[in-house]
Amino acid sequence: MKSVITVTGKDTKGIIAKVSTRCADFGANIVDISQSVLQDYFAMMMLVEIDELSISFGDFVDELRLLGEQNGLLIQAMHEDIFNSMHRI
C-alpha cells in the first residue's frame, strides 16, 4: 500500500530532511518525491510505501500533521486508494 504526502508552506532549510526523517521513524519508505520552490513558497509531493508502518495509518497522518504545525507547514497524508478515487475522471 502507498500514501501520497503533500507539503506546502514558506520555504526554509531542512523541510525535506524533517519530513523524510519522520517517515523513516515510522517505517514508511519513500518511493518517489517531487519538490519545487516558487519564489518563497515550498511545495512537495511524496509517494511512500506504508506496508511496514510501526503505527496505525491514522496515527501516521496525525504525526505528519503535527510536524507541519510545529514547522509552519501544511502536511497532509492520504491513502493512495482515496487519492486515486478523488482524481479519477
N, C-alpha and C. Protein backbone atom coordinates (compact mmCIF):
# COMPACT_ATOMS: atom_id res chain seq x y z
N MET A 1 0.85 -1.18 0.00
CA MET A 1 0.00 0.00 0.00
C MET A 1 0.89 1.24 0.00
N LYS A 2 0.32 2.30 -0.56
CA LYS A 2 1.08 3.54 -0.63
C LYS A 2 0.24 4.70 -0.10
N SER A 3 0.93 5.79 0.20
CA SER A 3 0.29 7.03 0.64
C SER A 3 0.89 8.18 -0.15
N VAL A 4 0.08 9.17 -0.44
CA VAL A 4 0.53 10.40 -1.07
C VAL A 4 0.63 11.46 0.03
N ILE A 5 1.81 12.06 0.16
CA ILE A 5 2.04 13.10 1.16
C ILE A 5 2.31 14.40 0.43
N THR A 6 1.60 15.46 0.83
CA THR A 6 1.86 16.78 0.28
C THR A 6 2.33 17.70 1.39
N VAL A 7 3.27 18.57 1.04
CA VAL A 7 3.83 19.52 1.99
C VAL A 7 3.87 20.88 1.32
N THR A 8 3.28 21.89 1.95
CA THR A 8 3.31 23.25 1.41
C THR A 8 3.57 24.24 2.54
N GLY A 9 4.20 25.35 2.18
CA GLY A 9 4.45 26.40 3.15
C GLY A 9 5.60 27.28 2.72
N LYS A 10 5.99 28.19 3.59
CA LYS A 10 7.14 29.06 3.34
C LYS A 10 8.40 28.21 3.26
N ASP A 11 9.27 28.52 2.33
CA ASP A 11 10.49 27.75 2.17
C ASP A 11 11.47 28.05 3.30
N THR A 12 11.97 27.00 3.91
CA THR A 12 13.01 27.10 4.94
C THR A 12 13.96 25.92 4.76
N LYS A 13 15.11 26.01 5.35
CA LYS A 13 16.09 24.93 5.27
C LYS A 13 15.60 23.70 6.02
N GLY A 14 15.84 22.53 5.44
CA GLY A 14 15.61 21.28 6.15
C GLY A 14 14.23 20.67 6.05
N ILE A 15 13.34 21.21 5.21
CA ILE A 15 11.98 20.66 5.14
C ILE A 15 12.01 19.21 4.68
N ILE A 16 12.72 18.94 3.60
CA ILE A 16 12.77 17.57 3.08
C ILE A 16 13.38 16.63 4.12
N ALA A 17 14.42 17.07 4.78
CA ALA A 17 15.07 16.24 5.80
C ALA A 17 14.12 15.92 6.95
N LYS A 18 13.37 16.92 7.41
CA LYS A 18 12.46 16.70 8.53
C LYS A 18 11.35 15.72 8.17
N VAL A 19 10.76 15.90 6.99
CA VAL A 19 9.64 15.04 6.58
C VAL A 19 10.14 13.62 6.30
N SER A 20 11.26 13.50 5.59
CA SER A 20 11.76 12.16 5.27
C SER A 20 12.23 11.43 6.53
N THR A 21 12.79 12.16 7.49
CA THR A 21 13.20 11.54 8.75
C THR A 21 11.98 11.03 9.51
N ARG A 22 10.92 11.84 9.55
CA ARG A 22 9.71 11.40 10.26
C ARG A 22 9.10 10.18 9.59
N CYS A 23 9.11 10.14 8.26
CA CYS A 23 8.62 8.96 7.55
C CYS A 23 9.44 7.73 7.94
N ALA A 24 10.76 7.86 7.92
CA ALA A 24 11.64 6.74 8.27
C ALA A 24 11.45 6.31 9.72
N ASP A 25 11.20 7.27 10.61
CA ASP A 25 10.98 6.94 12.02
C ASP A 25 9.85 5.94 12.21
N PHE A 26 8.86 6.01 11.34
CA PHE A 26 7.68 5.16 11.48
C PHE A 26 7.62 4.04 10.45
N GLY A 27 8.70 3.84 9.69
CA GLY A 27 8.77 2.70 8.78
C GLY A 27 8.23 2.95 7.38
N ALA A 28 7.92 4.18 7.03
CA ALA A 28 7.45 4.48 5.68
C ALA A 28 8.67 4.61 4.76
N ASN A 29 8.56 4.06 3.57
CA ASN A 29 9.65 4.08 2.61
C ASN A 29 9.29 5.01 1.44
N ILE A 30 10.14 6.00 1.20
CA ILE A 30 9.88 6.96 0.12
C ILE A 30 10.17 6.29 -1.21
N VAL A 31 9.15 6.28 -2.09
CA VAL A 31 9.26 5.67 -3.40
C VAL A 31 9.57 6.73 -4.46
N ASP A 32 8.95 7.90 -4.33
CA ASP A 32 9.14 8.97 -5.30
C ASP A 32 8.92 10.30 -4.60
N ILE A 33 9.60 11.32 -5.08
CA ILE A 33 9.49 12.64 -4.47
C ILE A 33 9.67 13.70 -5.54
N SER A 34 8.85 14.73 -5.43
CA SER A 34 8.96 15.88 -6.33
C SER A 34 8.78 17.12 -5.48
N GLN A 35 9.67 18.10 -5.66
CA GLN A 35 9.55 19.33 -4.88
C GLN A 35 9.94 20.51 -5.74
N SER A 36 9.39 21.65 -5.40
CA SER A 36 9.77 22.88 -6.09
C SER A 36 9.60 24.05 -5.14
N VAL A 37 10.30 25.12 -5.47
CA VAL A 37 10.19 26.36 -4.73
C VAL A 37 9.71 27.41 -5.69
N LEU A 38 8.59 28.05 -5.35
CA LEU A 38 8.00 29.11 -6.17
C LEU A 38 8.16 30.40 -5.38
N GLN A 39 9.13 31.21 -5.78
CA GLN A 39 9.53 32.40 -5.03
C GLN A 39 9.89 31.97 -3.61
N ASP A 40 9.11 32.32 -2.60
CA ASP A 40 9.42 31.95 -1.22
C ASP A 40 8.60 30.77 -0.72
N TYR A 41 7.85 30.10 -1.61
CA TYR A 41 6.95 29.04 -1.19
C TYR A 41 7.45 27.67 -1.62
N PHE A 42 7.35 26.73 -0.71
CA PHE A 42 7.82 25.37 -0.92
C PHE A 42 6.62 24.47 -1.18
N ALA A 43 6.75 23.56 -2.15
CA ALA A 43 5.72 22.57 -2.44
C ALA A 43 6.39 21.24 -2.72
N MET A 44 5.90 20.19 -2.07
CA MET A 44 6.47 18.86 -2.26
C MET A 44 5.37 17.82 -2.28
N MET A 45 5.56 16.81 -3.12
CA MET A 45 4.66 15.67 -3.15
C MET A 45 5.53 14.42 -3.06
N MET A 46 5.14 13.53 -2.17
CA MET A 46 5.89 12.28 -1.97
C MET A 46 4.94 11.10 -2.11
N LEU A 47 5.47 10.02 -2.65
CA LEU A 47 4.76 8.75 -2.66
C LEU A 47 5.55 7.82 -1.76
N VAL A 48 4.90 7.30 -0.72
CA VAL A 48 5.59 6.44 0.24
C VAL A 48 4.87 5.11 0.40
N GLU A 49 5.65 4.05 0.58
CA GLU A 49 5.09 2.74 0.89
C GLU A 49 4.80 2.71 2.39
N ILE A 50 3.62 2.23 2.75
CA ILE A 50 3.21 2.23 4.16
C ILE A 50 2.93 0.83 4.69
N ASP A 51 3.36 -0.20 3.97
CA ASP A 51 3.11 -1.58 4.41
C ASP A 51 3.77 -1.91 5.73
N GLU A 52 4.88 -1.27 6.03
CA GLU A 52 5.64 -1.63 7.24
C GLU A 52 5.60 -0.52 8.30
N LEU A 53 4.54 0.26 8.34
CA LEU A 53 4.42 1.30 9.37
C LEU A 53 4.44 0.66 10.75
N SER A 54 5.11 1.32 11.67
CA SER A 54 5.16 0.83 13.06
C SER A 54 4.00 1.36 13.89
N ILE A 55 3.19 2.25 13.32
CA ILE A 55 2.00 2.79 13.97
C ILE A 55 0.85 2.70 12.98
N SER A 56 -0.36 2.95 13.43
CA SER A 56 -1.51 2.90 12.53
C SER A 56 -1.40 4.03 11.50
N PHE A 57 -2.05 3.86 10.36
CA PHE A 57 -2.01 4.89 9.33
C PHE A 57 -2.61 6.19 9.86
N GLY A 58 -3.67 6.11 10.64
CA GLY A 58 -4.29 7.30 11.22
C GLY A 58 -3.31 8.06 12.11
N ASP A 59 -2.55 7.32 12.91
CA ASP A 59 -1.55 7.96 13.77
C ASP A 59 -0.42 8.57 12.93
N PHE A 60 -0.05 7.90 11.84
CA PHE A 60 0.97 8.42 10.93
C PHE A 60 0.52 9.75 10.34
N VAL A 61 -0.73 9.81 9.90
CA VAL A 61 -1.30 11.06 9.37
C VAL A 61 -1.22 12.16 10.43
N ASP A 62 -1.60 11.84 11.65
CA ASP A 62 -1.58 12.81 12.75
C ASP A 62 -0.15 13.28 13.06
N GLU A 63 0.80 12.38 13.04
CA GLU A 63 2.20 12.73 13.32
C GLU A 63 2.74 13.69 12.27
N LEU A 64 2.41 13.45 11.00
CA LEU A 64 2.87 14.34 9.94
C LEU A 64 2.19 15.71 10.04
N ARG A 65 0.90 15.71 10.36
CA ARG A 65 0.20 16.98 10.53
C ARG A 65 0.82 17.78 11.67
N LEU A 66 1.13 17.12 12.78
CA LEU A 66 1.77 17.77 13.92
C LEU A 66 3.15 18.32 13.54
N LEU A 67 3.93 17.56 12.79
CA LEU A 67 5.22 18.03 12.31
C LEU A 67 5.04 19.31 11.50
N GLY A 68 4.01 19.33 10.66
CA GLY A 68 3.73 20.52 9.88
C GLY A 68 3.39 21.72 10.76
N GLU A 69 2.54 21.51 11.74
CA GLU A 69 2.15 22.59 12.64
C GLU A 69 3.36 23.15 13.39
N GLN A 70 4.26 22.27 13.79
CA GLN A 70 5.45 22.69 14.53
C GLN A 70 6.43 23.48 13.66
N ASN A 71 6.30 23.34 12.34
CA ASN A 71 7.25 23.97 11.42
C ASN A 71 6.60 24.97 10.46
N GLY A 72 5.37 25.37 10.73
CA GLY A 72 4.69 26.34 9.89
C GLY A 72 4.37 25.83 8.49
N LEU A 73 4.08 24.52 8.38
CA LEU A 73 3.79 23.88 7.11
C LEU A 73 2.43 23.19 7.15
N LEU A 74 1.87 22.97 6.00
CA LEU A 74 0.69 22.12 5.89
C LEU A 74 1.15 20.80 5.31
N ILE A 75 1.07 19.74 6.12
CA ILE A 75 1.46 18.40 5.68
C ILE A 75 0.23 17.52 5.75
N GLN A 76 -0.10 16.92 4.60
CA GLN A 76 -1.26 16.04 4.53
C GLN A 76 -0.83 14.70 3.95
N ALA A 77 -1.32 13.63 4.53
CA ALA A 77 -1.07 12.29 4.01
C ALA A 77 -2.41 11.64 3.69
N MET A 78 -2.48 11.06 2.52
CA MET A 78 -3.72 10.44 2.07
C MET A 78 -3.41 9.06 1.50
N HIS A 79 -4.22 8.09 1.88
CA HIS A 79 -4.04 6.73 1.35
C HIS A 79 -4.16 6.79 -0.17
N GLU A 80 -3.32 6.04 -0.87
CA GLU A 80 -3.30 6.05 -2.33
C GLU A 80 -4.67 5.74 -2.94
N ASP A 81 -5.43 4.83 -2.35
CA ASP A 81 -6.74 4.48 -2.89
C ASP A 81 -7.69 5.68 -2.86
N ILE A 82 -7.67 6.45 -1.78
CA ILE A 82 -8.51 7.64 -1.68
C ILE A 82 -8.05 8.68 -2.70
N PHE A 83 -6.74 8.89 -2.78
CA PHE A 83 -6.19 9.86 -3.73
C PHE A 83 -6.61 9.50 -5.16
N ASN A 84 -6.47 8.25 -5.53
CA ASN A 84 -6.84 7.82 -6.88
C ASN A 84 -8.33 7.98 -7.15
N SER A 85 -9.16 7.68 -6.15
CA SER A 85 -10.61 7.83 -6.31
C SER A 85 -11.00 9.30 -6.51
N MET A 86 -10.33 10.18 -5.81
CA MET A 86 -10.63 11.61 -5.92
C MET A 86 -10.22 12.18 -7.28
N HIS A 87 -9.24 11.58 -7.92
CA HIS A 87 -8.69 12.14 -9.15
C HIS A 87 -9.01 11.30 -10.38
N ARG A 88 -9.97 10.42 -10.25
CA ARG A 88 -10.40 9.59 -11.37
C ARG A 88 -11.47 10.34 -12.15
N ILE A 89 -11.33 10.33 -13.46
CA ILE A 89 -12.30 11.04 -14.32
C ILE A 89 -13.41 10.10 -14.70
